[in-house]
C-alpha cells in the first residue's frame, strides 16, 4: 500500500494504536520517510 493511497493513514493509525497497547513504554512514532513509496 502506497502512502498516497487513501487507506494508508487509517491503516497506519491502527498499527500505531496496536503498538502502543502492546509496548506502551517503548512505543513511538513510525518514521515512514525511511520506506520507499512503491
Protein backbone atom coordinates (compact mmCIF):
# COMPACT_ATOMS: atom_id res chain seq x y z
CA UNK A 1 0.00 0.00 0.00
CA UNK A 2 1.46 3.35 -1.03
CA UNK A 3 1.50 6.37 1.24
CA UNK A 4 -0.58 8.16 -1.39
CA UNK A 5 -3.36 5.57 -1.01
CA UNK A 6 -6.36 6.96 0.89
CA UNK A 7 -6.36 3.89 3.16
CA UNK A 8 -2.74 4.30 4.22
CA UNK A 9 -3.24 6.65 7.17
CA UNK A 10 -6.18 4.70 8.57
CA UNK A 11 -4.02 1.57 8.44
CA UNK A 12 -1.11 3.48 9.99
CA UNK A 13 -3.29 4.70 12.86
CA UNK A 14 -4.37 1.13 13.53
CA UNK A 15 -0.76 -0.12 13.61
CA UNK A 16 0.34 2.65 15.96
CA UNK A 17 -2.60 2.04 18.31
CA UNK A 18 -1.81 -1.69 18.49
CA UNK A 19 1.87 -0.92 19.09
CA UNK A 20 1.01 1.47 21.94
CA UNK A 21 -1.21 -1.15 23.57
CA UNK A 22 1.43 -3.87 23.24
CA UNK A 23 4.51 -1.79 24.13
CA UNK A 24 3.26 1.31 25.99
CA UNK A 25 6.69 2.40 27.23
CA UNK A 26 8.67 1.73 24.06
CA UNK A 27 6.02 2.95 21.62
CA UNK A 28 6.77 5.95 19.47
CA UNK A 29 6.06 7.25 16.02
CA UNK A 30 6.89 5.29 12.89
CA UNK A 31 9.26 7.05 10.52
CA UNK A 32 7.64 6.48 7.14
CA UNK A 33 10.29 8.57 5.39
CA UNK A 34 12.56 5.54 5.56
CA UNK A 35 10.19 3.43 3.44
CA UNK A 36 10.08 3.60 -0.33
CA UNK A 37 6.75 4.62 -1.84
CA UNK A 38 6.31 1.73 -4.28
